[in-house]
N, C-alpha and C. Protein backbone atom coordinates (compact mmCIF):
# COMPACT_ATOMS: atom_id res chain seq x y z
N MET A 1 4.89 32.54 -0.18
CA MET A 1 3.66 32.93 0.81
C MET A 1 2.58 31.77 0.65
N TYR A 2 2.39 31.34 -0.68
CA TYR A 2 1.64 30.29 -0.99
C TYR A 2 1.81 29.15 -0.38
N HIS A 3 3.24 28.67 -0.28
CA HIS A 3 3.55 27.40 0.43
C HIS A 3 3.26 27.34 2.02
N LEU A 4 3.61 28.69 2.49
CA LEU A 4 3.23 28.73 3.85
C LEU A 4 1.81 28.54 4.25
N ALA A 5 1.02 29.24 3.45
CA ALA A 5 -0.56 29.10 3.72
C ALA A 5 -0.93 27.82 3.27
N ARG A 6 -0.54 27.14 2.41
CA ARG A 6 -0.81 25.78 2.24
C ARG A 6 -0.56 24.65 3.19
N GLY A 7 0.68 24.90 3.80
CA GLY A 7 1.30 24.26 4.77
C GLY A 7 0.29 24.35 6.01
N ILE A 8 -0.17 25.50 6.41
CA ILE A 8 -1.02 25.90 7.58
C ILE A 8 -2.22 25.08 7.33
N ILE A 9 -2.77 25.31 6.15
CA ILE A 9 -4.03 24.58 5.86
C ILE A 9 -3.97 23.07 6.01
N GLN A 10 -2.94 22.57 5.49
CA GLN A 10 -2.83 21.19 5.58
C GLN A 10 -2.75 20.57 6.99
N GLU A 11 -1.84 21.57 7.89
CA GLU A 11 -1.80 21.04 9.19
C GLU A 11 -3.29 21.21 10.01
N LEU A 12 -3.90 22.28 9.67
CA LEU A 12 -5.19 22.54 10.50
C LEU A 12 -6.25 21.41 10.00
N THR A 13 -6.01 20.85 8.82
CA THR A 13 -7.03 19.87 8.27
C THR A 13 -6.77 18.41 8.58
N ARG A 14 -5.55 18.25 9.15
CA ARG A 14 -5.18 16.87 9.47
C ARG A 14 -6.02 16.25 10.51
N ARG A 15 -6.28 14.89 10.41
CA ARG A 15 -7.20 14.31 11.37
C ARG A 15 -6.30 13.09 12.11
N GLU A 16 -6.94 12.96 13.15
CA GLU A 16 -6.42 11.79 13.88
C GLU A 16 -7.02 10.44 13.34
N GLU A 17 -6.13 9.52 13.19
CA GLU A 17 -6.49 8.27 12.47
C GLU A 17 -5.95 7.09 13.39
N TYR A 18 -6.77 6.13 13.88
CA TYR A 18 -6.24 4.77 14.64
C TYR A 18 -6.15 3.70 13.67
N SER A 19 -4.99 2.89 13.79
CA SER A 19 -4.79 1.77 12.99
C SER A 19 -5.43 0.41 14.07
N VAL A 20 -6.31 -0.31 13.34
CA VAL A 20 -6.96 -1.42 13.90
C VAL A 20 -6.62 -2.66 13.19
N LEU A 21 -5.78 -3.68 14.00
CA LEU A 21 -5.57 -4.94 13.23
C LEU A 21 -6.78 -6.02 13.47
N ILE A 22 -7.17 -6.61 12.43
CA ILE A 22 -8.17 -7.43 12.48
C ILE A 22 -7.55 -8.88 12.09
N LEU A 23 -7.23 -9.70 13.28
CA LEU A 23 -6.67 -10.87 13.18
C LEU A 23 -7.31 -12.16 13.55
N GLY A 24 -6.82 -13.34 13.43
CA GLY A 24 -7.68 -14.38 13.61
C GLY A 24 -7.22 -15.55 12.69
N LEU A 25 -7.49 -16.78 13.05
CA LEU A 25 -7.26 -17.88 12.06
C LEU A 25 -7.71 -17.81 10.83
N ASP A 26 -7.45 -18.51 9.70
CA ASP A 26 -7.99 -18.38 8.51
C ASP A 26 -9.26 -18.92 8.61
N ASN A 27 -10.31 -18.35 7.77
CA ASN A 27 -11.71 -18.75 7.77
C ASN A 27 -12.57 -18.27 8.88
N ALA A 28 -11.91 -17.27 9.75
CA ALA A 28 -12.72 -16.96 10.90
C ALA A 28 -13.77 -15.98 10.59
N GLY A 29 -13.58 -15.32 9.48
CA GLY A 29 -14.78 -14.34 9.12
C GLY A 29 -14.14 -12.71 9.03
N LYS A 30 -12.78 -12.66 9.15
CA LYS A 30 -12.17 -11.40 9.27
C LYS A 30 -12.43 -10.41 7.98
N THR A 31 -12.34 -10.83 6.86
CA THR A 31 -12.61 -10.02 5.77
C THR A 31 -14.17 -9.77 5.74
N THR A 32 -15.12 -10.79 5.94
CA THR A 32 -16.39 -10.53 6.11
C THR A 32 -16.69 -9.46 7.12
N LEU A 33 -16.26 -9.49 8.09
CA LEU A 33 -16.29 -8.29 9.18
C LEU A 33 -15.75 -7.01 8.70
N LEU A 34 -14.62 -6.99 8.08
CA LEU A 34 -14.21 -5.72 7.44
C LEU A 34 -15.21 -5.09 6.44
N GLU A 35 -15.72 -6.05 5.45
CA GLU A 35 -16.60 -5.57 4.54
C GLU A 35 -17.94 -5.00 5.14
N LYS A 36 -18.37 -5.95 6.23
CA LYS A 36 -19.53 -5.45 6.73
C LYS A 36 -19.46 -3.98 7.49
N LEU A 37 -18.38 -3.81 8.03
CA LEU A 37 -17.94 -2.45 8.79
C LEU A 37 -18.05 -1.41 7.73
N LYS A 38 -17.42 -1.60 6.46
CA LYS A 38 -17.39 -0.74 5.53
C LYS A 38 -18.83 -0.57 4.86
N GLY A 39 -19.60 -1.48 4.96
CA GLY A 39 -20.91 -1.43 4.36
C GLY A 39 -21.83 -0.48 5.46
N ILE A 40 -21.70 -0.63 6.59
CA ILE A 40 -22.55 0.10 7.59
C ILE A 40 -22.00 1.60 7.74
N TYR A 41 -20.60 1.79 7.73
CA TYR A 41 -20.01 3.15 8.01
C TYR A 41 -19.57 4.02 6.59
N ASN A 42 -19.72 3.15 5.59
CA ASN A 42 -19.21 3.89 4.41
C ASN A 42 -20.30 3.85 3.24
N GLU A 43 -21.62 4.18 3.79
CA GLU A 43 -22.73 4.16 2.90
C GLU A 43 -22.94 2.98 1.92
N GLY A 44 -22.58 1.92 2.48
CA GLY A 44 -22.92 0.63 1.67
C GLY A 44 -21.92 0.21 0.72
N ARG A 45 -20.55 0.86 0.79
CA ARG A 45 -19.66 0.67 -0.24
C ARG A 45 -18.79 -0.67 0.31
N SER A 46 -19.03 -1.62 -0.13
CA SER A 46 -18.40 -2.95 0.47
C SER A 46 -18.59 -3.98 -0.61
N LEU A 47 -17.82 -5.12 -0.44
CA LEU A 47 -18.17 -6.28 -1.24
C LEU A 47 -19.10 -7.19 -0.72
N SER A 48 -19.87 -7.55 -1.52
CA SER A 48 -21.00 -8.57 -1.21
C SER A 48 -20.49 -9.76 -0.74
N SER A 49 -21.14 -10.46 0.16
CA SER A 49 -20.54 -11.59 0.83
C SER A 49 -20.01 -12.77 -0.34
N ASP A 50 -20.79 -12.82 -1.33
CA ASP A 50 -20.45 -13.94 -2.37
C ASP A 50 -19.28 -13.66 -3.03
N LYS A 51 -18.49 -12.35 -2.90
CA LYS A 51 -17.47 -12.08 -3.58
C LYS A 51 -16.25 -12.08 -2.79
N ILE A 52 -16.31 -12.30 -1.56
CA ILE A 52 -15.34 -12.45 -0.64
C ILE A 52 -14.38 -13.66 -0.74
N VAL A 53 -13.27 -13.61 -0.96
CA VAL A 53 -12.42 -14.87 -0.97
C VAL A 53 -11.17 -14.78 0.16
N PRO A 54 -10.70 -15.79 0.47
CA PRO A 54 -9.64 -15.81 1.63
C PRO A 54 -8.57 -14.87 1.24
N THR A 55 -8.00 -14.13 2.28
CA THR A 55 -7.09 -13.11 2.15
C THR A 55 -5.61 -13.61 2.23
N VAL A 56 -5.08 -13.32 1.10
CA VAL A 56 -3.62 -13.68 1.04
C VAL A 56 -2.95 -12.35 1.15
N GLY A 57 -2.12 -12.15 2.31
CA GLY A 57 -1.71 -10.87 2.52
C GLY A 57 -2.48 -10.00 3.48
N GLN A 58 -3.08 -8.92 2.90
CA GLN A 58 -3.72 -8.01 3.73
C GLN A 58 -4.94 -7.23 2.77
N ASN A 59 -6.02 -6.81 3.44
CA ASN A 59 -6.96 -5.87 2.88
C ASN A 59 -6.98 -4.84 4.05
N VAL A 60 -7.09 -3.62 3.41
CA VAL A 60 -7.26 -2.25 4.16
C VAL A 60 -8.50 -1.58 3.74
N GLY A 61 -9.25 -1.18 5.06
CA GLY A 61 -10.36 -0.42 4.62
C GLY A 61 -10.37 0.86 5.83
N HIS A 62 -11.15 1.88 5.28
CA HIS A 62 -11.26 2.97 6.20
C HIS A 62 -12.61 3.27 6.55
N ILE A 63 -12.72 3.63 7.87
CA ILE A 63 -14.28 3.93 8.20
C ILE A 63 -14.01 5.15 9.28
N THR A 64 -15.21 5.83 9.39
CA THR A 64 -15.39 6.91 10.33
C THR A 64 -16.51 6.46 11.18
N ILE A 65 -16.40 6.61 12.64
CA ILE A 65 -17.33 6.46 13.54
C ILE A 65 -17.41 7.43 14.54
N ASN A 66 -18.46 8.37 14.53
CA ASN A 66 -18.49 9.37 15.47
C ASN A 66 -17.39 10.31 15.54
N ASN A 67 -16.73 10.66 14.15
CA ASN A 67 -15.69 11.52 14.08
C ASN A 67 -14.28 10.84 14.46
N THR A 68 -14.49 9.54 14.61
CA THR A 68 -13.15 8.79 14.96
C THR A 68 -12.87 8.01 13.77
N HIS A 69 -11.77 8.30 13.00
CA HIS A 69 -11.24 7.64 11.84
C HIS A 69 -10.36 6.28 12.06
N LEU A 70 -10.70 5.25 11.37
CA LEU A 70 -10.11 4.03 11.81
C LEU A 70 -9.71 3.41 10.43
N LYS A 71 -8.36 3.14 10.36
CA LYS A 71 -7.73 2.36 9.30
C LYS A 71 -7.68 1.06 9.75
N LEU A 72 -8.51 0.07 9.16
CA LEU A 72 -8.61 -1.53 9.48
C LEU A 72 -7.76 -2.15 8.57
N TRP A 73 -6.87 -3.02 9.21
CA TRP A 73 -5.94 -3.94 8.62
C TRP A 73 -6.42 -5.33 8.72
N ASP A 74 -7.01 -5.91 7.67
CA ASP A 74 -7.40 -7.34 7.85
C ASP A 74 -6.20 -8.09 7.28
N VAL A 75 -5.55 -8.92 8.10
CA VAL A 75 -4.23 -9.56 7.79
C VAL A 75 -4.52 -11.01 7.73
N GLY A 76 -4.18 -11.87 6.70
CA GLY A 76 -4.31 -13.15 6.45
C GLY A 76 -4.02 -14.05 7.61
N GLY A 77 -4.85 -15.11 7.76
CA GLY A 77 -4.76 -15.86 9.06
C GLY A 77 -4.11 -17.26 8.73
N GLN A 78 -3.65 -17.56 7.58
CA GLN A 78 -3.09 -18.89 7.24
C GLN A 78 -1.89 -18.88 8.33
N HIS A 79 -1.41 -20.18 8.52
CA HIS A 79 -0.51 -20.44 9.46
C HIS A 79 0.88 -19.56 8.91
N ALA A 80 1.36 -19.61 7.77
CA ALA A 80 2.44 -19.13 7.21
C ALA A 80 2.45 -17.58 7.44
N LEU A 81 1.09 -16.98 7.15
CA LEU A 81 1.08 -15.61 7.27
C LEU A 81 1.14 -15.07 8.79
N ARG A 82 0.89 -15.74 9.78
CA ARG A 82 0.89 -15.46 11.03
C ARG A 82 2.19 -15.02 11.57
N THR A 83 3.14 -15.53 10.87
CA THR A 83 4.59 -15.08 11.40
C THR A 83 4.83 -13.78 11.02
N LEU A 84 4.15 -12.98 10.17
CA LEU A 84 4.36 -11.75 9.82
C LEU A 84 3.47 -10.80 10.60
N TRP A 85 2.50 -11.16 11.48
CA TRP A 85 1.63 -10.41 12.12
C TRP A 85 2.45 -9.32 13.07
N HIS A 86 3.58 -9.74 13.80
CA HIS A 86 4.08 -8.90 14.61
C HIS A 86 4.78 -7.64 13.91
N GLU A 87 4.87 -7.66 12.79
CA GLU A 87 5.42 -6.41 11.99
C GLU A 87 4.50 -5.21 12.16
N TYR A 88 3.11 -5.73 12.36
CA TYR A 88 2.18 -4.56 12.43
C TYR A 88 1.82 -4.05 13.92
N TYR A 89 2.31 -4.81 14.87
CA TYR A 89 2.15 -4.57 16.31
C TYR A 89 2.48 -3.12 16.80
N ALA A 90 3.62 -2.80 16.51
CA ALA A 90 4.01 -1.49 17.03
C ALA A 90 3.33 -0.24 16.44
N GLU A 91 2.68 -0.20 15.37
CA GLU A 91 2.01 0.81 14.81
C GLU A 91 0.41 0.58 15.15
N CYS A 92 -0.08 -0.30 15.71
CA CYS A 92 -1.54 -0.43 15.72
C CYS A 92 -1.99 0.01 17.12
N HIS A 93 -3.23 0.50 17.21
CA HIS A 93 -3.85 1.03 18.31
C HIS A 93 -4.88 0.35 18.99
N ALA A 94 -5.18 -0.92 18.32
CA ALA A 94 -6.08 -1.84 18.90
C ALA A 94 -6.27 -3.11 18.06
N ILE A 95 -6.36 -4.29 18.71
CA ILE A 95 -6.62 -5.59 17.85
C ILE A 95 -8.04 -6.19 18.06
N VAL A 96 -8.48 -6.58 17.00
CA VAL A 96 -9.86 -7.20 16.92
C VAL A 96 -9.46 -8.67 16.60
N PHE A 97 -9.79 -9.55 17.45
CA PHE A 97 -9.33 -10.91 17.05
C PHE A 97 -10.67 -11.52 16.97
N VAL A 98 -10.72 -12.26 15.78
CA VAL A 98 -12.08 -13.09 15.32
C VAL A 98 -11.88 -14.44 15.47
N VAL A 99 -12.91 -15.10 16.17
CA VAL A 99 -12.84 -16.52 16.42
C VAL A 99 -14.01 -17.04 15.63
N ASP A 100 -13.71 -18.21 15.08
CA ASP A 100 -14.79 -18.98 14.43
C ASP A 100 -15.41 -19.85 15.23
N SER A 101 -16.62 -19.34 15.82
CA SER A 101 -17.25 -20.16 16.97
C SER A 101 -17.74 -21.61 16.50
N THR A 102 -17.52 -21.93 15.24
CA THR A 102 -18.09 -23.27 14.84
C THR A 102 -16.81 -24.18 14.56
N ASP A 103 -15.65 -23.66 14.69
CA ASP A 103 -14.44 -24.31 14.50
C ASP A 103 -13.93 -24.96 15.69
N ARG A 104 -14.57 -25.92 16.44
CA ARG A 104 -14.40 -26.61 17.61
C ARG A 104 -12.97 -27.31 17.59
N ALA A 105 -12.49 -27.80 16.44
CA ALA A 105 -11.23 -28.54 16.32
C ALA A 105 -9.98 -27.69 16.52
N ARG A 106 -10.18 -26.27 16.26
CA ARG A 106 -9.02 -25.40 16.30
C ARG A 106 -9.19 -24.30 17.35
N ILE A 107 -10.23 -24.55 18.19
CA ILE A 107 -10.42 -23.53 19.15
C ILE A 107 -9.25 -23.43 20.22
N GLU A 108 -8.48 -24.48 20.49
CA GLU A 108 -7.35 -24.29 21.41
C GLU A 108 -6.11 -23.69 20.45
N GLU A 109 -5.98 -23.95 19.34
CA GLU A 109 -5.01 -23.39 18.45
C GLU A 109 -5.39 -21.71 18.33
N CYS A 110 -6.57 -21.51 18.37
CA CYS A 110 -7.06 -19.95 18.25
C CYS A 110 -6.53 -19.42 19.57
N ARG A 111 -6.84 -20.00 20.73
CA ARG A 111 -6.56 -19.54 22.05
C ARG A 111 -5.12 -19.17 22.19
N ASP A 112 -4.26 -20.22 21.79
CA ASP A 112 -2.77 -20.17 21.75
C ASP A 112 -2.29 -19.03 20.90
N THR A 113 -2.91 -18.80 19.79
CA THR A 113 -2.45 -17.78 18.89
C THR A 113 -2.89 -16.22 19.41
N LEU A 114 -4.05 -16.21 20.11
CA LEU A 114 -4.37 -14.88 20.77
C LEU A 114 -3.42 -14.71 21.88
N GLN A 115 -3.00 -15.79 22.67
CA GLN A 115 -1.93 -15.65 23.66
C GLN A 115 -0.57 -15.21 23.35
N THR A 116 -0.14 -15.52 22.13
CA THR A 116 1.15 -15.07 21.48
C THR A 116 1.01 -13.68 21.18
N ILE A 117 -0.20 -13.24 20.76
CA ILE A 117 -0.39 -11.91 20.42
C ILE A 117 -0.23 -10.96 21.48
N VAL A 118 -1.06 -11.25 22.70
CA VAL A 118 -1.13 -10.39 23.77
C VAL A 118 0.04 -10.33 24.63
N ALA A 119 0.96 -11.54 24.45
CA ALA A 119 2.15 -11.51 25.20
C ALA A 119 3.38 -10.82 24.57
N HIS A 120 3.15 -10.36 23.32
CA HIS A 120 4.18 -9.74 22.71
C HIS A 120 4.36 -8.24 23.15
N GLU A 121 5.39 -7.78 23.27
CA GLU A 121 5.68 -6.56 23.92
C GLU A 121 5.17 -5.15 23.17
N ASP A 122 5.10 -5.39 21.99
CA ASP A 122 4.52 -4.34 21.00
C ASP A 122 3.16 -4.20 21.28
N THR A 123 2.30 -5.16 21.83
CA THR A 123 0.89 -5.07 22.05
C THR A 123 0.49 -4.77 23.32
N GLU A 124 1.44 -4.39 24.22
CA GLU A 124 1.28 -4.15 25.72
C GLU A 124 0.40 -2.92 25.77
N GLY A 125 -0.56 -2.94 26.54
CA GLY A 125 -1.56 -1.79 26.74
C GLY A 125 -2.52 -1.57 25.89
N ILE A 126 -2.71 -2.11 24.70
CA ILE A 126 -3.61 -1.86 23.77
C ILE A 126 -4.87 -2.47 23.87
N PRO A 127 -5.99 -2.05 23.57
CA PRO A 127 -7.37 -2.68 23.56
C PRO A 127 -7.31 -3.97 22.77
N VAL A 128 -7.91 -5.12 23.35
CA VAL A 128 -8.12 -6.34 22.47
C VAL A 128 -9.75 -6.60 22.61
N LEU A 129 -10.17 -6.61 21.38
CA LEU A 129 -11.54 -7.08 21.27
C LEU A 129 -11.69 -8.34 20.64
N MET A 130 -12.20 -9.29 21.44
CA MET A 130 -12.32 -10.73 20.75
C MET A 130 -13.83 -11.06 20.23
N LEU A 131 -13.97 -11.17 19.08
CA LEU A 131 -15.43 -11.51 18.48
C LEU A 131 -15.69 -12.83 18.26
N ALA A 132 -16.71 -13.47 18.85
CA ALA A 132 -17.04 -14.79 18.86
C ALA A 132 -17.89 -14.84 17.57
N ASN A 133 -17.42 -14.94 16.31
CA ASN A 133 -18.07 -14.87 15.19
C ASN A 133 -18.92 -16.06 14.90
N LYS A 134 -19.78 -15.90 13.89
CA LYS A 134 -20.84 -17.11 13.29
C LYS A 134 -21.82 -17.36 14.40
N GLN A 135 -22.17 -16.61 15.13
CA GLN A 135 -23.22 -16.91 16.16
C GLN A 135 -24.58 -17.11 15.71
N ASP A 136 -24.67 -16.93 14.49
CA ASP A 136 -26.05 -17.12 13.63
C ASP A 136 -26.10 -18.58 13.34
N ARG A 137 -25.16 -19.36 13.44
CA ARG A 137 -25.08 -20.96 13.07
C ARG A 137 -25.52 -21.58 14.21
N ASP A 138 -26.30 -22.90 13.88
CA ASP A 138 -26.66 -23.55 15.10
C ASP A 138 -25.50 -24.52 15.81
N ASP A 139 -24.42 -24.73 15.06
CA ASP A 139 -23.26 -25.39 15.46
C ASP A 139 -22.29 -24.50 16.27
N SER A 140 -22.52 -23.32 16.57
CA SER A 140 -21.61 -22.30 17.05
C SER A 140 -21.59 -22.59 18.64
N LEU A 141 -20.30 -22.55 19.14
CA LEU A 141 -20.15 -22.63 20.67
C LEU A 141 -20.80 -21.22 21.24
N GLU A 142 -21.43 -21.43 22.26
CA GLU A 142 -22.03 -20.33 23.03
C GLU A 142 -20.98 -19.36 23.60
N VAL A 143 -21.07 -17.98 23.76
CA VAL A 143 -20.01 -17.12 24.00
C VAL A 143 -19.33 -17.49 25.50
N GLU A 144 -20.28 -18.01 26.31
CA GLU A 144 -19.78 -18.31 27.65
C GLU A 144 -18.77 -19.53 27.65
N ASP A 145 -18.94 -20.40 26.64
CA ASP A 145 -18.03 -21.37 26.55
C ASP A 145 -16.56 -20.82 25.88
N ILE A 146 -16.83 -20.03 25.00
CA ILE A 146 -15.50 -19.40 24.33
C ILE A 146 -14.78 -18.59 25.40
N LYS A 147 -15.36 -17.85 26.43
CA LYS A 147 -14.82 -17.09 27.35
C LYS A 147 -14.16 -18.08 28.17
N GLU A 148 -14.80 -19.08 28.72
CA GLU A 148 -14.10 -20.16 29.66
C GLU A 148 -12.78 -20.69 29.01
N ILE A 149 -12.73 -20.98 27.58
CA ILE A 149 -11.52 -21.55 27.06
C ILE A 149 -10.54 -20.53 26.96
N PHE A 150 -10.88 -19.05 26.92
CA PHE A 150 -9.91 -18.19 26.77
C PHE A 150 -9.54 -17.45 27.94
N ASN A 151 -10.10 -17.88 29.12
CA ASN A 151 -9.76 -17.52 30.47
C ASN A 151 -8.34 -17.58 30.98
N ARG A 152 -7.78 -18.62 30.37
CA ARG A 152 -6.46 -19.08 30.59
C ARG A 152 -5.40 -17.90 30.14
N ILE A 153 -5.86 -17.15 29.28
CA ILE A 153 -4.81 -16.04 29.00
C ILE A 153 -5.11 -14.64 29.54
N ALA A 154 -6.00 -14.68 30.47
CA ALA A 154 -6.38 -13.52 31.10
C ALA A 154 -5.21 -12.61 31.98
N GLU A 155 -4.27 -13.41 32.38
CA GLU A 155 -3.10 -12.87 33.11
C GLU A 155 -2.32 -12.08 31.81
N HIS A 156 -2.17 -12.52 30.70
CA HIS A 156 -1.51 -11.77 29.76
C HIS A 156 -2.27 -10.61 29.32
N LEU A 157 -3.52 -10.26 29.53
CA LEU A 157 -4.19 -9.14 29.11
C LEU A 157 -3.75 -8.03 30.24
N GLY A 158 -3.64 -8.28 31.36
CA GLY A 158 -3.34 -7.21 32.27
C GLY A 158 -4.48 -6.16 32.50
N ALA A 159 -4.08 -4.87 32.70
CA ALA A 159 -5.09 -4.00 32.92
C ALA A 159 -5.67 -3.35 31.75
N ARG A 160 -5.27 -3.81 30.63
CA ARG A 160 -5.68 -3.17 29.35
C ARG A 160 -7.33 -3.64 29.17
N ASP A 161 -7.87 -2.69 28.36
CA ASP A 161 -9.30 -2.81 27.99
C ASP A 161 -9.42 -4.24 27.09
N SER A 162 -10.17 -5.03 27.57
CA SER A 162 -10.53 -6.13 26.56
C SER A 162 -11.94 -6.69 26.89
N ARG A 163 -12.52 -7.42 25.70
CA ARG A 163 -13.83 -7.88 25.84
C ARG A 163 -14.00 -9.05 24.91
N VAL A 164 -15.05 -9.68 25.25
CA VAL A 164 -15.57 -10.91 24.25
C VAL A 164 -16.89 -10.62 23.88
N LEU A 165 -17.18 -10.45 22.54
CA LEU A 165 -18.58 -10.03 22.28
C LEU A 165 -18.98 -11.11 21.15
N PRO A 166 -20.26 -11.60 21.03
CA PRO A 166 -20.99 -12.27 20.02
C PRO A 166 -21.29 -11.49 18.68
N ILE A 167 -20.73 -12.03 17.53
CA ILE A 167 -21.40 -11.46 16.42
C ILE A 167 -21.75 -12.35 15.27
N SER A 168 -22.39 -11.78 14.17
CA SER A 168 -22.43 -12.67 12.97
C SER A 168 -22.14 -11.57 11.95
N ALA A 169 -20.72 -11.64 11.58
CA ALA A 169 -20.22 -10.80 10.51
C ALA A 169 -21.00 -10.92 9.25
N LEU A 170 -21.61 -12.07 8.99
CA LEU A 170 -22.28 -12.33 7.77
C LEU A 170 -23.45 -11.52 7.60
N ARG A 171 -24.32 -11.54 8.86
CA ARG A 171 -25.47 -10.81 8.89
C ARG A 171 -25.41 -9.59 9.60
N GLY A 172 -24.20 -9.17 10.07
CA GLY A 172 -24.15 -7.85 10.65
C GLY A 172 -24.72 -7.79 12.13
N GLU A 173 -25.06 -8.84 12.62
CA GLU A 173 -25.52 -8.83 14.11
C GLU A 173 -24.46 -8.59 15.04
N GLY A 174 -24.46 -7.59 15.72
CA GLY A 174 -23.45 -7.34 17.03
C GLY A 174 -22.25 -6.70 16.38
N VAL A 175 -22.16 -6.28 15.15
CA VAL A 175 -21.02 -5.53 14.62
C VAL A 175 -20.95 -4.11 15.04
N LYS A 176 -22.14 -3.44 14.79
CA LYS A 176 -22.01 -2.03 15.16
C LYS A 176 -21.74 -1.82 16.83
N GLU A 177 -22.18 -2.81 17.68
CA GLU A 177 -22.09 -2.75 19.28
C GLU A 177 -20.51 -2.88 19.20
N ALA A 178 -19.90 -3.91 18.51
CA ALA A 178 -18.46 -4.14 18.46
C ALA A 178 -17.81 -2.97 18.23
N ALA A 179 -18.05 -2.17 17.12
CA ALA A 179 -17.39 -1.18 16.68
C ALA A 179 -17.42 0.14 17.67
N ASP A 180 -18.62 0.22 18.25
CA ASP A 180 -18.98 1.28 19.26
C ASP A 180 -18.02 0.95 20.54
N TRP A 181 -17.77 -0.15 20.90
CA TRP A 181 -17.01 -0.63 22.04
C TRP A 181 -15.50 -0.33 21.75
N LEU A 182 -15.09 -0.44 20.72
CA LEU A 182 -13.78 -0.34 20.01
C LEU A 182 -13.33 1.17 20.12
N THR A 183 -14.24 2.10 19.50
CA THR A 183 -14.07 3.57 19.32
C THR A 183 -13.85 4.22 20.66
N ILE A 184 -14.70 3.87 21.79
CA ILE A 184 -14.48 4.40 23.05
C ILE A 184 -13.28 4.04 23.59
N ARG A 185 -12.88 2.74 23.43
CA ARG A 185 -11.53 2.28 24.02
C ARG A 185 -10.48 3.04 23.44
N LEU A 186 -10.46 3.11 22.01
CA LEU A 186 -9.54 3.94 21.50
C LEU A 186 -9.20 5.20 22.05
N GLU A 187 -10.32 6.02 21.96
CA GLU A 187 -10.32 7.38 22.63
C GLU A 187 -9.70 7.23 24.03
N ARG A 188 -10.17 6.45 24.80
CA ARG A 188 -9.82 6.38 26.24
C ARG A 188 -8.18 6.10 26.36
N ASN A 189 -7.70 5.32 25.39
CA ASN A 189 -6.34 4.88 25.38
C ASN A 189 -5.34 5.71 24.71
N LYS A 190 -5.78 6.94 24.14
CA LYS A 190 -4.91 7.53 23.18
C LYS A 190 -3.87 8.41 23.87
N GLN A 191 -3.77 8.51 25.19
CA GLN A 191 -2.65 9.07 25.92
C GLN A 191 -1.55 7.90 25.96
N TYR A 192 -1.93 6.83 25.92
CA TYR A 192 -0.96 5.74 26.05
C TYR A 192 -0.43 5.48 24.60
N ARG A 193 -1.12 5.34 23.58
CA ARG A 193 -0.67 5.15 22.26
C ARG A 193 -1.51 6.18 21.31
N PRO A 194 -0.91 7.40 21.17
CA PRO A 194 -1.59 8.49 20.41
C PRO A 194 -1.84 8.09 19.05
N PRO A 195 -2.95 8.61 18.55
CA PRO A 195 -3.33 8.39 16.98
C PRO A 195 -2.43 9.01 16.06
N ASP A 196 -2.37 8.38 14.91
CA ASP A 196 -1.63 8.97 13.80
C ASP A 196 -2.21 10.39 13.40
N ARG A 197 -1.57 11.14 12.70
CA ARG A 197 -1.97 12.40 12.26
C ARG A 197 -1.94 12.19 10.67
N ARG A 198 -3.03 12.26 10.01
CA ARG A 198 -3.13 12.30 8.56
C ARG A 198 -3.66 13.51 7.84
């Protein structure tokens, strides 16, 4: 009887959880974004910016926004690690693609990388949020310029929800707005890719 009651309680207290991939080239600010999100939504429990080092492999964080539970996967962006990204696609519910707005030399590589992601069959239909990071810097490209560069992949996005937003992950500017946009789209897309039950 105890096991039956325990099983019922566990089933009733399970919650929906969405897996979100945070991708982008190395040094785009993915880990800084993850830590800023944890700091905003987990009562300040995050690494300070001076303790953040390049990701080799992955970092995982959990946050809750308006009763929407997110498991955030910050996956390393070095060229060798990008070949492993596709292993995560089938299980994710959304992709956040972080662009270093100051890295003009690699902006085309960045665009080509995003095109490869959205063209993969396992990412079909899931929301894609592109964040033009480092907008606090004087040498950053304007968001409109970044949109123009990335317009060439619009045909691969299809009818899915997608957006480009300016942020400064370091300062936290635009991060909450990006998270709000994402949670609305996850809820809207749950019929297509239902959340996990944890």
